[in-house]
């Protein structure tokens, strides 16, 4: 029987991470490095949890105690002490970021794909999170690490036209590389809209998930947005494109500067594949756009590449689940057949 040579690469990688080969690779290359983070994880996790709970309890006690001034003063002093301890206690989030910056490239090497994990101030760790926190707390920073790079990223996120208005932008992970010769950019982003002040202060979650970017293999000049519930975002319905696929229109609304160009990009095959992706990823809200020669895919509603702080960093299963996140992305690219130069 002839072996099937058309197996998608994502399926091949999925088979590999379930094999003894991955286990051997993990314990040889990754386990020694995550062990140093695991040495500190229980203490950092417990301290973060205890201090957060303590601060909340003290704050609630202060709200209910209105008469005994001596007791109120004690509560205020304890709150200040708890707050100071919380500030100088290492952040579990930053510790996880530092670990991912070091481990994700090793993990991705196993897939046979070439990726780079961008450093958002996670580098330069001494290996002691308490010492690093003290340095961060008492070191004067001349440059704002977030300003120039994040401003450019914020502009790009808005330019995708996939998100409602936001004025808080945070990128947790940004990974660049190639999959099946496709240049990829993966951005794990958190977008919020903050408004009002005092009692009217509101923070609304706009998007929390993954943005995938890669160059298109078709030339186009206009902008095309494929998104559910776009009336709030795009408003004007004059650019609405009505397609002859009722199943696709059930999942998505399409807006474009040029209707002919939109039909050239959104072929019948492509629409079927995008519907399949939306159906398979029900936990994530899928949308996409075609802007300036690139395709953007937004997957809203899931934390990507997450390592639980409540579990040991040395558990192989946690890292297998991170690889499965990447395989889910690779499956989308396989489904869309974006590596083919014959069009979508």
Foldseek 3Di string as FASTA:
>chain_A
DDDDPPDFLLVVLLVCCPDVNVVVLCVVPPLVLLVLLLVCLVVLVVLLVVLVVLLVVLVVVLVPDDPDVVVNVVSVVVNVVSVVSNQLRFDPLLSVLLSCQPCVQSLVVSSVWHKHKDDQPSPDDPSDRNVVSVCVVPPDDPDDSCPPPVVVVVVVVVQQLAWADFDDKDWSIWMWTDDLNWTKIKTQIWTWHWDDDDPPTDIGTTFGGIKMKTFFLDDDDKKKKKFPPCCNRPVDCPQWADDPDVLLVVQTTMGMPDNVVVCVQCDPLQSVLVSVLCVVLVQWGWIWMQPPRMIMITTGHDRALDQDSVDRPSDSVSSSVNVVSVSSVSVSCVSNVRSDSPHD
